[in-house]
N, C-alpha and C. Protein backbone atom coordinates (compact mmCIF):
# COMPACT_ATOMS: atom_id res chain seq x y z
N MET A 1 1.04 -1.37 -0.01
CA MET A 1 0.12 -0.01 -0.11
C MET A 1 0.82 1.37 0.10
N ARG A 2 0.45 2.20 -0.73
CA ARG A 2 1.30 3.44 -0.97
C ARG A 2 0.59 4.78 -0.46
N SER A 3 -0.64 4.51 -0.76
CA SER A 3 -1.43 5.95 -0.46
C SER A 3 -2.06 6.15 0.87
N SER A 4 -1.93 7.39 1.42
CA SER A 4 -2.27 7.40 2.73
C SER A 4 -3.76 7.21 3.09
N ARG A 5 -4.62 7.26 1.92
CA ARG A 5 -5.92 7.27 2.01
C ARG A 5 -6.14 5.51 2.60
N GLU A 6 -5.46 4.68 1.50
CA GLU A 6 -5.52 3.26 1.90
C GLU A 6 -5.13 2.81 3.29
N ILE A 7 -4.12 3.47 3.57
CA ILE A 7 -3.40 3.17 5.15
C ILE A 7 -4.44 3.56 6.22
N ARG A 8 -4.96 4.72 5.92
CA ARG A 8 -6.08 5.39 7.24
C ARG A 8 -7.26 4.39 7.09
N GLU A 9 -7.72 3.90 5.91
CA GLU A 9 -8.83 3.05 5.94
C GLU A 9 -8.45 1.79 6.62
N VAL A 10 -7.32 1.12 6.55
CA VAL A 10 -6.80 -0.03 6.99
C VAL A 10 -6.97 0.13 8.71
N VAL A 11 -6.20 1.32 9.10
CA VAL A 11 -6.04 1.62 10.31
C VAL A 11 -7.37 1.84 11.26
N SER A 12 -8.17 2.59 10.39
CA SER A 12 -9.50 2.97 11.24
C SER A 12 -10.47 1.92 11.17
N ALA A 13 -10.38 1.25 9.99
CA ALA A 13 -11.69 0.25 9.96
C ALA A 13 -11.24 -1.02 10.11
N GLY A 14 -10.03 -1.36 10.26
CA GLY A 14 -9.53 -2.79 10.38
C GLY A 14 -9.54 -3.34 11.62
N LYS A 15 -9.28 -4.66 11.97
CA LYS A 15 -8.90 -5.22 13.17
C LYS A 15 -7.69 -5.05 13.43
N ARG A 16 -7.06 -5.25 14.86
CA ARG A 16 -5.66 -5.18 15.13
C ARG A 16 -5.44 -6.14 16.24
N VAL A 17 -4.05 -6.30 15.97
CA VAL A 17 -3.30 -7.25 17.10
C VAL A 17 -1.94 -6.71 17.51
N GLY A 18 -1.49 -6.90 18.78
CA GLY A 18 -0.30 -6.16 18.89
C GLY A 18 0.56 -7.17 19.76
N ASN A 19 1.77 -6.63 20.04
CA ASN A 19 2.79 -7.16 20.82
C ASN A 19 3.96 -6.33 21.23
N SER A 20 4.81 -6.59 21.70
CA SER A 20 6.01 -5.84 22.25
C SER A 20 6.52 -4.81 21.14
N SER A 21 6.62 -5.47 20.03
CA SER A 21 7.29 -4.90 18.58
C SER A 21 6.62 -4.18 17.76
N ALA A 22 5.25 -4.37 17.72
CA ALA A 22 4.52 -3.84 16.65
C ALA A 22 2.90 -3.91 16.88
N THR A 23 2.11 -3.32 16.01
CA THR A 23 0.79 -3.55 16.20
C THR A 23 0.54 -3.56 14.72
N LEU A 24 -0.64 -4.84 14.27
CA LEU A 24 -0.83 -5.25 13.06
C LEU A 24 -2.16 -4.69 13.03
N HIS A 25 -2.54 -3.62 11.78
CA HIS A 25 -3.74 -3.26 11.85
C HIS A 25 -4.30 -4.06 10.43
N PHE A 26 -5.35 -4.78 10.16
CA PHE A 26 -5.47 -5.49 8.92
C PHE A 26 -7.03 -5.62 8.90
N LEU A 27 -7.15 -5.91 7.20
CA LEU A 27 -8.51 -6.22 6.69
C LEU A 27 -8.23 -7.23 5.69
N PRO A 28 -9.19 -8.13 5.48
CA PRO A 28 -9.19 -9.07 4.29
C PRO A 28 -9.10 -8.55 3.14
N SER A 29 -8.24 -9.04 2.12
CA SER A 29 -8.18 -8.49 0.82
C SER A 29 -7.96 -9.77 -0.15
N GLU A 30 -7.97 -9.62 -1.58
CA GLU A 30 -7.53 -10.40 -2.39
C GLU A 30 -6.29 -10.52 -2.57
N THR A 31 -5.50 -9.93 -2.39
CA THR A 31 -3.86 -9.82 -2.54
C THR A 31 -3.34 -9.49 -1.17
N ASN A 32 -2.01 -9.94 -0.99
CA ASN A 32 -1.28 -9.10 0.31
C ASN A 32 -0.70 -8.08 0.07
N GLN A 33 -0.91 -6.89 0.81
CA GLN A 33 -0.53 -5.70 0.72
C GLN A 33 -0.11 -5.11 2.03
N PHE A 34 1.14 -4.52 2.24
CA PHE A 34 1.50 -4.13 3.47
C PHE A 34 2.19 -2.52 3.63
N ALA A 35 1.76 -1.99 4.49
CA ALA A 35 2.40 -0.64 4.85
C ALA A 35 3.33 -0.74 6.19
N ILE A 36 4.41 -0.15 6.33
CA ILE A 36 5.06 -0.12 7.38
C ILE A 36 4.99 1.25 7.92
N ILE A 37 4.52 1.55 9.22
CA ILE A 37 4.62 2.95 9.81
C ILE A 37 5.51 2.90 10.84
N VAL A 38 6.64 3.92 10.82
CA VAL A 38 7.60 3.79 11.88
C VAL A 38 7.85 5.43 12.10
N SER A 39 7.35 5.82 13.46
CA SER A 39 7.68 7.20 13.90
C SER A 39 8.82 7.42 14.43
N LYS A 40 8.78 8.83 14.65
CA LYS A 40 10.38 9.16 15.26
C LYS A 40 10.61 8.81 16.71
N ALA A 41 9.42 8.13 17.22
CA ALA A 41 9.67 7.66 18.68
C ALA A 41 10.62 6.57 18.61
N VAL A 42 10.62 5.85 17.40
CA VAL A 42 11.48 4.56 17.34
C VAL A 42 13.04 4.88 17.45
N GLY A 43 13.53 6.10 16.97
CA GLY A 43 14.83 6.24 17.02
C GLY A 43 15.41 7.32 15.84
N SER A 44 16.52 7.38 15.84
CA SER A 44 17.06 8.02 14.72
C SER A 44 16.65 7.68 13.19
N ALA A 45 16.90 8.42 12.33
CA ALA A 45 16.56 8.15 10.83
C ALA A 45 17.39 6.76 10.70
N VAL A 46 18.38 6.63 11.09
CA VAL A 46 19.36 5.16 10.94
C VAL A 46 18.45 4.10 11.19
N GLU A 47 18.04 4.35 12.63
CA GLU A 47 17.37 3.25 13.46
C GLU A 47 16.22 3.02 12.71
N ARG A 48 15.25 4.03 12.45
CA ARG A 48 13.85 3.74 11.53
C ARG A 48 14.30 3.00 10.37
N ASN A 49 15.30 3.46 9.63
CA ASN A 49 15.41 2.68 8.32
C ASN A 49 15.89 1.20 8.39
N LEU A 50 16.64 0.94 9.32
CA LEU A 50 17.12 -0.51 9.59
C LEU A 50 15.72 -1.17 10.23
N VAL A 51 15.00 -0.79 11.07
CA VAL A 51 13.86 -1.46 11.22
C VAL A 51 13.04 -1.81 9.90
N LYS A 52 12.74 -0.56 9.43
CA LYS A 52 11.84 -1.03 8.08
C LYS A 52 12.38 -1.91 7.15
N ARG A 53 13.74 -1.86 7.08
CA ARG A 53 14.39 -2.97 6.18
C ARG A 53 14.05 -4.15 6.79
N ARG A 54 14.41 -4.47 7.89
CA ARG A 54 13.95 -5.72 8.54
C ARG A 54 12.57 -6.49 8.25
N ILE A 55 11.76 -5.31 8.69
CA ILE A 55 10.43 -5.69 8.55
C ILE A 55 9.92 -6.02 7.07
N ARG A 56 10.58 -5.19 6.05
CA ARG A 56 10.22 -5.64 4.54
C ARG A 56 10.87 -6.94 4.32
N SER A 57 11.96 -7.19 4.87
CA SER A 57 12.36 -8.49 4.70
C SER A 57 11.70 -9.43 5.25
N ILE A 58 11.09 -9.82 6.63
CA ILE A 58 10.51 -10.39 7.31
C ILE A 58 9.04 -10.64 6.36
N LEU A 59 8.43 -9.58 5.78
CA LEU A 59 7.38 -9.72 5.12
C LEU A 59 7.16 -10.43 3.92
N ALA A 60 8.55 -9.94 3.20
CA ALA A 60 8.63 -10.56 1.99
C ALA A 60 8.72 -12.09 2.02
N SER A 61 9.37 -12.85 3.15
CA SER A 61 9.49 -14.01 3.35
C SER A 61 8.20 -14.77 3.63
N LEU A 62 7.12 -13.93 4.31
CA LEU A 62 6.10 -14.54 4.47
C LEU A 62 5.04 -14.37 3.49
N GLU A 63 5.00 -13.29 2.57
CA GLU A 63 4.24 -13.15 1.49
C GLU A 63 3.57 -14.49 1.08
N ALA A 64 4.31 -15.37 0.78
CA ALA A 64 3.72 -16.66 -0.18
C ALA A 64 3.05 -17.55 0.67
N GLY A 65 2.47 -16.92 1.94
CA GLY A 65 1.77 -17.94 2.87
C GLY A 65 0.07 -17.77 2.17
N PRO A 66 -0.70 -18.74 2.90
CA PRO A 66 -1.89 -19.04 2.27
C PRO A 66 -2.97 -17.62 2.71
N PHE A 67 -2.41 -16.71 3.61
CA PHE A 67 -3.22 -15.64 3.92
C PHE A 67 -3.40 -14.69 2.96
N LYS A 68 -4.38 -13.98 2.92
CA LYS A 68 -4.73 -12.66 1.91
C LYS A 68 -4.98 -11.33 2.81
N ILE A 69 -4.23 -10.67 3.13
CA ILE A 69 -4.71 -9.28 3.88
C ILE A 69 -3.96 -7.97 3.54
N LYS A 70 -4.73 -7.03 3.90
CA LYS A 70 -4.17 -5.77 3.59
C LYS A 70 -3.85 -5.21 4.83
N ALA A 71 -2.44 -5.13 5.08
CA ALA A 71 -2.17 -4.70 6.58
C ALA A 71 -1.40 -3.60 6.73
N ALA A 72 -1.21 -2.78 7.90
CA ALA A 72 -0.46 -1.62 8.32
C ALA A 72 0.35 -2.21 9.26
N VAL A 73 1.58 -2.33 9.36
CA VAL A 73 2.44 -2.75 10.57
C VAL A 73 2.91 -1.38 11.28
N ARG A 74 2.51 -1.04 12.48
CA ARG A 74 2.98 0.11 13.30
C ARG A 74 4.02 -0.21 14.27
N VAL A 75 5.23 0.29 14.07
CA VAL A 75 6.10 -0.29 14.77
C VAL A 75 6.52 0.34 16.27
N LYS A 76 6.53 -0.32 17.47
CA LYS A 76 6.73 0.27 18.60
C LYS A 76 8.15 0.93 18.77
N PRO A 77 8.60 1.66 19.60
CA PRO A 77 9.80 2.16 19.77
C PRO A 77 10.84 0.90 20.29
N GLY A 78 10.09 0.04 21.14
CA GLY A 78 10.85 -1.20 21.62
C GLY A 78 11.72 -2.08 20.28
N ALA A 79 11.21 -1.94 19.25
CA ALA A 79 11.60 -2.65 17.97
C ALA A 79 13.27 -2.27 17.41
N ALA A 80 13.31 -1.12 17.80
CA ALA A 80 14.94 -0.70 17.33
C ALA A 80 15.83 -1.45 18.06
N ALA A 81 15.64 -1.86 19.26
CA ALA A 81 16.51 -2.64 20.20
C ALA A 81 16.35 -4.09 19.90
N ALA A 82 15.43 -4.54 19.34
CA ALA A 82 15.36 -6.00 19.10
C ALA A 82 16.18 -6.32 18.10
N SER A 83 16.56 -7.85 18.04
CA SER A 83 17.50 -8.50 17.13
C SER A 83 16.59 -8.87 15.91
N TYR A 84 17.05 -9.20 14.73
CA TYR A 84 16.38 -9.72 13.50
C TYR A 84 15.46 -10.76 13.74
N GLN A 85 16.21 -11.72 14.58
CA GLN A 85 15.28 -12.80 14.99
C GLN A 85 13.98 -12.74 16.07
N THR A 86 14.36 -11.92 16.87
CA THR A 86 13.24 -11.58 17.72
C THR A 86 12.25 -10.63 17.02
N LEU A 87 12.63 -9.72 16.04
CA LEU A 87 11.66 -9.07 15.27
C LEU A 87 10.90 -9.95 14.43
N ALA A 88 11.47 -10.92 13.82
CA ALA A 88 11.05 -11.83 12.76
C ALA A 88 9.56 -12.89 13.66
N ALA A 89 10.02 -12.96 14.87
CA ALA A 89 9.15 -13.84 15.47
C ALA A 89 8.04 -12.93 15.94
N ASP A 90 8.40 -11.83 16.29
CA ASP A 90 7.20 -11.02 16.78
C ASP A 90 6.10 -10.83 15.73
N ILE A 91 6.81 -10.42 14.08
CA ILE A 91 5.97 -10.14 13.19
C ILE A 91 5.14 -11.60 12.81
N THR A 92 5.77 -12.51 12.74
CA THR A 92 5.19 -13.85 12.39
C THR A 92 3.96 -14.21 13.00
N ASP A 93 4.10 -14.00 14.32
CA ASP A 93 3.18 -14.19 15.53
C ASP A 93 1.92 -13.27 15.34
N LEU A 94 2.28 -12.03 14.92
CA LEU A 94 1.22 -11.01 14.50
C LEU A 94 0.20 -11.80 13.13
N ILE A 95 1.31 -11.94 12.29
CA ILE A 95 0.19 -12.27 11.11
C ILE A 95 -0.24 -13.65 11.53
N GLU A 96 0.25 -14.62 12.06
CA GLU A 96 -0.60 -15.74 12.44
C GLU A 96 -1.88 -15.65 13.26
N ARG A 97 -1.73 -14.63 14.27
CA ARG A 97 -2.93 -14.11 14.93
C ARG A 97 -3.89 -13.23 14.39
N ALA A 98 -3.60 -12.80 12.99
CA ALA A 98 -4.48 -11.86 12.31
C ALA A 98 -5.33 -13.01 11.57
N VAL A 99 -4.59 -13.83 10.97
CA VAL A 99 -5.19 -15.14 10.00
C VAL A 99 -5.75 -15.96 11.02
């Protein structure tokens, strides 16, 4: 998802699940579509971009799954300190709980 209108629609009208690393807002869809929301509370630009790259990589590996959702991943400040493995486990947990 790229337009702010689509992201607002998912955040306001969708269901949500959360954990210590992120909150996942989601709606059922015909294809998988994701947006990653990282606020300045997460850290410096370098830290925010690192978290975005990691989450993008995790979502790419999960995209071939049987689920079809339109989702916005809202990253929490604790995610910047999390390792890749912890972040992958948390994001996978959110997707499984959503589906």
